[in-house]
Amino acid sequence: MPRDVQATEATATISGSVTAEPGRPALDDGDLAAIARLRTAGLRRALGINTVRVALVAAWLGSWELAARHWIDPFYYSMPSKIWERLVGWFTEGTSQGSIWEQISVTLQEAVAGFGLGAAGGVVLGIVLGRSRFLSDVCAPFIKAVNAIPRIILASLFIIWFGLGMQSKIATAFVLVFFAVFFNAFQGAREVDRNLVNNARILGAGRFQVLWTIVVPSATSWILASLHSAFGFAIIGAIVGEYTGADKGLGLLINHSQGTFDSAGIYAGMIIITVLALLAEYLLTLLEGRLLRWRPAASGHDVQI
């Protein structure tokens, strides 16, 4: 979460908690003025950041449009105006494969299913192997071997095994998500404070109680960090599967655009995929904030990527 948003929420929390709790003195004029200055500074910083972002995007698109009209061949590199026309046409008239909403829906269903299955499998197996030295030593070479297989080869195999339907795309997304989550969950389970586990066992906690009350909460930060990139991998898996062979989806739409040398269509498909990934990232950020409310705020200057 950006620092300006944190500052705004912090001031709102401070003012709300102080006025809501009975028996505590109300804020004086100096405190209210300080809170107002903090809010103003946060809003001013957010406005400055967004202004610079918009300016950078405008400069990039403007230079691209100008170059395509005077120096480079738009047949190969397209231009923002043609990409916009293709997007408008897809959403108003439909695509060569049918309604654009149907293509988005199919890709999202494949990505969400692959993400859910891969994340669940990665978390469970990562924590189990992270807490069992024997099982991790036995399974390590097999996991490394499967992880080393190129995903495009697996996508081709899944097409043969499961056909052109959604199952093959879900399987491809599952593989990409599983390993992204598994290694983080494994490392998170290994990084649990051993003294905390020993103290819980001394107090009579069983193996399952230690796992559920100590190991899982401690590994949550590692797991949630992997989920941010994991949904992007799920979309990549769905798109790669559709690109390899499908009857619907954004990957098929991009593949068809490539076959007809429609560079504007390829860029338009990329933009739609990017918007979907950013929306998923936003929702995962909200989920992370709710699940990690117990964690104290980090000190120092936070860098958000």
Protein backbone atom coordinates (compact mmCIF):
# COMPACT_ATOMS: atom_id res chain seq x y z
CA MET A 1 0.00 0.00 0.00
CA PRO A 2 1.47 3.43 -0.93
CA ARG A 3 2.71 5.62 1.91
CA ASP A 4 0.30 8.45 1.11
CA VAL A 5 -2.65 6.07 1.43
CA GLN A 6 -1.18 4.67 4.63
CA ALA A 7 -0.81 8.16 6.02
CA THR A 8 -4.39 9.08 5.12
CA GLU A 9 -5.77 5.89 6.65
CA ALA A 10 -3.60 6.31 9.72
CA THR A 11 -4.87 9.81 10.35
CA ALA A 12 -8.46 8.70 9.81
CA THR A 13 -7.94 5.83 12.24
CA ILE A 14 -6.35 8.08 14.83
CA SER A 15 -9.10 10.67 14.66
CA GLY A 16 -11.85 8.05 14.64
CA SER A 17 -10.44 6.03 17.52
CA VAL A 18 -9.81 9.04 19.68
CA THR A 19 -13.26 10.51 19.28
CA ALA A 20 -15.08 7.17 19.48
CA GLU A 21 -13.54 5.82 22.69
CA PRO A 22 -15.28 7.13 25.81
CA GLY A 23 -13.21 8.58 28.61
CA ARG A 24 -10.40 9.83 26.36
CA PRO A 25 -9.82 13.53 25.87
CA ALA A 26 -10.95 15.07 22.61
CA LEU A 27 -8.41 16.32 20.12
CA ASP A 28 -7.36 19.90 20.54
CA ASP A 29 -6.94 22.41 17.72
CA GLY A 30 -3.23 21.65 17.36
CA ASP A 31 -3.84 17.93 16.89
CA LEU A 32 -6.60 18.55 14.36
CA ALA A 33 -4.37 20.94 12.43
CA ALA A 34 -1.55 18.36 12.37
CA ILE A 35 -3.92 15.69 11.08
CA ALA A 36 -5.23 18.05 8.42
CA ARG A 37 -1.67 18.88 7.29
CA LEU A 38 -0.81 15.18 7.13
CA ARG A 39 -3.89 14.45 5.02
CA THR A 40 -3.13 17.37 2.71
CA ALA A 41 0.47 16.22 2.28
CA GLY A 42 -0.70 12.69 1.44
CA LEU A 43 -3.22 13.89 -1.11
CA ARG A 44 -0.69 16.26 -2.65
CA ARG A 45 1.87 13.46 -2.98
CA ALA A 46 -0.71 11.11 -4.54
CA LEU A 47 -1.71 13.82 -7.02
CA GLY A 48 1.93 14.42 -7.95
CA ILE A 49 2.61 10.69 -8.48
CA ASN A 50 -0.49 10.18 -10.63
CA THR A 51 0.30 13.31 -12.66
CA VAL A 52 3.78 12.01 -13.48
CA ARG A 53 2.37 8.59 -14.38
CA VAL A 54 -0.20 10.09 -16.75
CA ALA A 55 2.47 12.30 -18.31
CA LEU A 56 4.78 9.34 -18.91
CA VAL A 57 2.00 7.29 -20.55
CA ALA A 58 0.93 10.25 -22.68
CA ALA A 59 4.52 10.90 -23.80
CA TRP A 60 5.04 7.22 -24.66
CA LEU A 61 1.80 6.92 -26.66
CA GLY A 62 2.32 10.26 -28.37
CA SER A 63 5.87 9.39 -29.46
CA TRP A 64 4.68 5.98 -30.68
CA GLU A 65 1.84 7.53 -32.72
CA LEU A 66 4.17 10.14 -34.16
CA ALA A 67 6.83 7.59 -35.09
CA ALA A 68 4.27 5.28 -36.72
CA ARG A 69 2.97 8.12 -38.88
CA HIS A 70 6.35 9.36 -40.08
CA TRP A 71 9.24 6.92 -39.52
CA ILE A 72 8.23 3.30 -38.81
CA ASP A 73 5.88 0.98 -40.68
CA PRO A 74 2.53 0.77 -38.84
CA PHE A 75 1.81 -2.56 -40.53
CA TYR A 76 4.43 -4.20 -38.32
CA TYR A 77 4.41 -1.94 -35.24
CA SER A 78 0.82 -0.63 -35.38
CA MET A 79 -0.04 2.65 -33.60
CA PRO A 80 -2.12 3.65 -30.56
CA SER A 81 -4.99 5.01 -32.68
CA LYS A 82 -5.38 1.69 -34.55
CA ILE A 83 -5.16 -0.28 -31.32
CA TRP A 84 -7.91 1.90 -29.86
CA GLU A 85 -10.04 1.33 -32.96
CA ARG A 86 -9.55 -2.43 -32.61
CA LEU A 87 -10.56 -2.35 -28.94
CA VAL A 88 -13.66 -0.29 -29.69
CA GLY A 89 -14.59 -2.66 -32.53
CA TRP A 90 -14.18 -5.74 -30.34
CA PHE A 91 -16.36 -4.35 -27.55
CA THR A 92 -19.05 -2.93 -29.83
CA GLU A 93 -19.16 -5.28 -32.82
CA GLY A 94 -17.49 -8.42 -31.49
CA THR A 95 -14.43 -10.35 -32.68
CA SER A 96 -13.81 -12.93 -35.37
CA GLN A 97 -14.26 -15.60 -32.66
CA GLY A 98 -17.47 -14.18 -31.21
CA SER A 99 -18.25 -11.79 -28.37
CA ILE A 100 -15.21 -10.30 -26.65
CA TRP A 101 -16.93 -10.81 -23.30
CA GLU A 102 -17.17 -14.53 -24.00
CA GLN A 103 -13.44 -14.68 -24.75
CA ILE A 104 -12.62 -12.78 -21.54
CA SER A 105 -14.99 -14.99 -19.53
CA VAL A 106 -13.40 -18.20 -20.80
CA THR A 107 -9.87 -17.01 -20.09
CA LEU A 108 -10.83 -15.77 -16.62
CA GLN A 109 -12.54 -19.05 -15.75
CA GLU A 110 -9.45 -20.99 -16.78
CA ALA A 111 -7.11 -18.66 -14.91
CA VAL A 112 -9.20 -18.56 -11.71
CA ALA A 113 -9.64 -22.34 -11.64
CA GLY A 114 -5.94 -22.94 -12.28
CA PHE A 115 -5.03 -20.31 -9.70
CA GLY A 116 -7.26 -21.77 -7.01
CA LEU A 117 -6.16 -25.36 -7.55
CA GLY A 118 -2.49 -24.48 -7.95
CA ALA A 119 -2.44 -22.19 -4.91
CA ALA A 120 -4.21 -24.76 -2.71
CA GLY A 121 -1.91 -27.57 -3.83
CA GLY A 122 1.21 -25.43 -3.49
CA VAL A 123 0.31 -24.26 0.01
CA VAL A 124 -0.58 -27.71 1.32
CA LEU A 125 2.38 -29.55 -0.17
CA GLY A 126 4.79 -26.70 0.58
CA ILE A 127 3.88 -26.61 4.27
CA VAL A 128 3.86 -30.40 4.61
CA LEU A 129 7.28 -30.82 3.01
CA GLY A 130 8.58 -27.73 4.79
CA ARG A 131 7.81 -29.34 8.16
CA SER A 132 9.03 -32.83 7.23
CA ARG A 133 12.73 -33.16 6.49
CA PHE A 134 12.37 -36.80 5.42
CA LEU A 135 9.56 -36.17 2.93
CA SER A 136 11.29 -33.11 1.49
CA ASP A 137 14.51 -35.07 0.93
CA VAL A 138 12.57 -37.85 -0.81
CA CYS A 139 10.50 -35.56 -3.05
CA ALA A 140 13.14 -32.90 -3.82
CA PRO A 141 14.60 -34.45 -7.02
CA PHE A 142 11.16 -35.21 -8.44
CA ILE A 143 9.86 -31.69 -7.80
CA LYS A 144 12.98 -30.15 -9.33
CA ALA A 145 12.71 -32.42 -12.37
CA VAL A 146 9.07 -31.53 -13.04
CA ASN A 147 9.77 -27.84 -12.47
CA ALA A 148 12.56 -27.97 -15.06
CA ILE A 149 10.21 -29.11 -17.86
CA PRO A 150 9.39 -26.19 -20.19
CA ARG A 151 5.78 -25.14 -19.72
CA ILE A 152 5.09 -24.96 -23.46
CA ILE A 153 5.83 -28.70 -23.69
CA LEU A 154 3.44 -29.43 -20.84
CA ALA A 155 0.79 -27.29 -22.54
CA SER A 156 1.15 -29.39 -25.69
CA LEU A 157 0.82 -32.59 -23.67
CA PHE A 158 -2.23 -31.27 -21.87
CA ILE A 159 -3.87 -30.51 -25.23
CA ILE A 160 -3.37 -34.15 -26.22
CA TRP A 161 -4.54 -35.48 -22.86
CA PHE A 162 -7.51 -33.22 -22.14
CA GLY A 163 -8.46 -31.83 -25.56
CA LEU A 164 -9.14 -28.27 -26.69
CA GLY A 165 -11.56 -27.47 -23.86
CA MET A 166 -10.96 -25.65 -20.60
CA GLN A 167 -9.39 -28.63 -18.82
CA SER A 168 -6.09 -28.38 -20.69
CA LYS A 169 -5.83 -24.63 -20.00
CA ILE A 170 -6.62 -25.13 -16.31
CA ALA A 171 -3.91 -27.79 -16.12
CA THR A 172 -1.35 -25.43 -17.68
CA ALA A 173 -2.31 -22.62 -15.31
CA PHE A 174 -2.17 -25.07 -12.39
CA VAL A 175 1.41 -26.06 -13.15
CA LEU A 176 2.63 -22.46 -13.31
CA VAL A 177 0.82 -21.41 -10.13
CA PHE A 178 1.69 -24.53 -8.15
CA PHE A 179 5.45 -24.10 -8.28
CA ALA A 180 5.29 -20.33 -7.69
CA VAL A 181 3.31 -20.89 -4.49
CA PHE A 182 4.95 -24.15 -3.42
CA PHE A 183 8.49 -22.80 -3.05
CA ASN A 184 7.32 -19.79 -1.03
CA ALA A 185 5.13 -21.92 1.24
CA PHE A 186 7.98 -24.39 1.67
CA GLN A 187 10.41 -21.63 2.63
CA GLY A 188 7.86 -19.97 4.90
CA ALA A 189 7.30 -23.23 6.77
CA ARG A 190 11.05 -23.67 7.17
CA GLU A 191 11.51 -20.11 8.51
CA VAL A 192 9.16 -20.57 11.50
CA ASP A 193 10.80 -19.62 14.80
CA ARG A 194 11.96 -22.91 16.31
CA ASN A 195 11.88 -21.53 19.85
CA LEU A 196 8.21 -20.61 19.40
CA VAL A 197 7.42 -24.15 18.22
CA ASN A 198 9.35 -25.71 21.12
CA ASN A 199 7.57 -23.51 23.65
CA ALA A 200 4.19 -24.50 22.22
CA ARG A 201 5.09 -28.17 22.49
CA ILE A 202 6.25 -27.72 26.08
CA LEU A 203 2.86 -26.21 26.86
CA GLY A 204 1.18 -29.34 25.47
CA ALA A 205 0.34 -28.35 21.90
CA GLY A 206 0.04 -31.27 19.50
CA ARG A 207 1.49 -31.51 16.01
CA PHE A 208 -1.72 -30.30 14.34
CA GLN A 209 -2.11 -27.42 16.81
CA VAL A 210 1.46 -26.27 16.16
CA LEU A 211 0.88 -26.50 12.43
CA TRP A 212 -2.42 -24.59 12.44
CA THR A 213 -1.68 -21.94 15.08
CA ILE A 214 2.02 -21.25 14.49
CA VAL A 215 3.34 -22.60 11.19
CA VAL A 216 0.47 -21.50 8.92
CA PRO A 217 0.22 -17.92 10.31
CA SER A 218 4.00 -17.54 10.14
CA ALA A 219 4.08 -18.69 6.52
CA THR A 220 1.15 -16.47 5.53
CA SER A 221 3.38 -13.55 4.53
CA TRP A 222 5.44 -15.79 2.26
CA ILE A 223 2.33 -17.35 0.73
CA LEU A 224 0.55 -14.05 0.08
CA ALA A 225 3.71 -12.62 -1.47
CA SER A 226 3.72 -15.49 -3.97
CA LEU A 227 0.02 -15.06 -4.78
CA HIS A 228 0.64 -11.61 -6.26
CA SER A 229 2.71 -13.10 -9.05
CA ALA A 230 0.84 -16.42 -9.09
CA PHE A 231 -2.34 -15.01 -10.62
CA GLY A 232 -0.25 -13.46 -13.38
CA PHE A 233 1.18 -16.93 -13.97
CA ALA A 234 -2.36 -18.33 -14.04
CA ILE A 235 -3.33 -15.91 -16.80
CA ILE A 236 -0.11 -16.75 -18.65
CA GLY A 237 -0.90 -20.45 -18.35
CA ALA A 238 -4.42 -19.95 -19.70
CA ILE A 239 -3.16 -17.80 -22.58
CA VAL A 240 -0.36 -20.23 -23.47
CA GLY A 241 -2.81 -23.11 -23.44
CA GLU A 242 -5.25 -21.21 -25.66
CA TYR A 243 -2.44 -20.15 -27.95
CA THR A 244 -1.35 -23.78 -28.30
CA GLY A 245 -4.84 -25.00 -29.13
CA ALA A 246 -8.33 -23.84 -28.15
CA ASP A 247 -11.78 -23.03 -29.45
CA LYS A 248 -12.31 -19.89 -27.32
CA GLY A 249 -10.34 -17.38 -25.26
CA LEU A 250 -8.05 -14.38 -25.51
CA GLY A 251 -5.09 -16.58 -26.44
CA LEU A 252 -6.98 -17.86 -29.46
CA LEU A 253 -7.86 -14.28 -30.38
CA ILE A 254 -4.20 -13.26 -30.23
CA ASN A 255 -3.19 -16.33 -32.21
CA HIS A 256 -5.76 -15.46 -34.89
CA SER A 257 -4.46 -11.87 -34.99
CA GLN A 258 -0.95 -13.16 -35.51
CA GLY A 259 -2.09 -15.44 -38.33
CA THR A 260 -3.70 -12.49 -40.13
CA PHE A 261 -0.75 -10.12 -39.45
CA ASP A 262 -3.02 -7.93 -37.33
CA SER A 263 -0.50 -6.28 -35.01
CA ALA A 264 -3.19 -3.98 -33.62
CA GLY A 265 -5.20 -7.04 -32.55
CA ILE A 266 -2.19 -8.51 -30.77
CA TYR A 267 -1.60 -5.27 -28.85
CA ALA A 268 -5.32 -5.01 -28.05
CA GLY A 269 -5.30 -8.53 -26.60
CA MET A 270 -2.22 -7.67 -24.54
CA ILE A 271 -3.96 -4.59 -23.13
CA ILE A 272 -7.02 -6.60 -22.08
CA ILE A 273 -4.82 -9.21 -20.39
CA THR A 274 -2.85 -6.49 -18.60
CA VAL A 275 -6.03 -4.86 -17.28
CA LEU A 276 -7.28 -8.21 -15.97
CA ALA A 277 -3.95 -8.86 -14.23
CA LEU A 278 -3.94 -5.41 -12.62
CA LEU A 279 -7.49 -5.86 -11.34
CA ALA A 280 -6.53 -9.22 -9.84
CA GLU A 281 -3.46 -7.64 -8.24
CA TYR A 282 -5.65 -4.95 -6.68
CA LEU A 283 -8.05 -7.53 -5.22
CA LEU A 284 -5.15 -9.61 -3.86
CA THR A 285 -3.69 -6.49 -2.25
CA LEU A 286 -7.00 -5.86 -0.47
CA LEU A 287 -7.09 -9.50 0.66
CA GLU A 288 -3.52 -9.29 1.93
CA GLY A 289 -4.32 -6.16 3.91
CA ARG A 290 -7.23 -7.90 5.64
CA LEU A 291 -5.35 -11.10 6.41
CA LEU A 292 -2.24 -9.34 7.72
CA ARG A 293 -3.85 -6.74 9.95
CA TRP A 294 -2.17 -8.39 12.93
CA ARG A 295 1.29 -7.65 11.54
CA PRO A 296 2.91 -4.46 12.87
CA ALA A 297 3.63 -1.73 10.35
CA ALA A 298 7.10 -1.86 8.83
CA SER A 299 9.50 0.86 9.84
CA GLY A 300 11.53 2.93 7.45
CA HIS A 301 10.74 3.84 3.88
CA ASP A 302 8.62 1.26 2.10
CA VAL A 303 9.28 0.68 -1.56
CA GLN A 304 6.29 -0.55 -3.54
CA ILE A 305 6.85 -2.43 -6.81
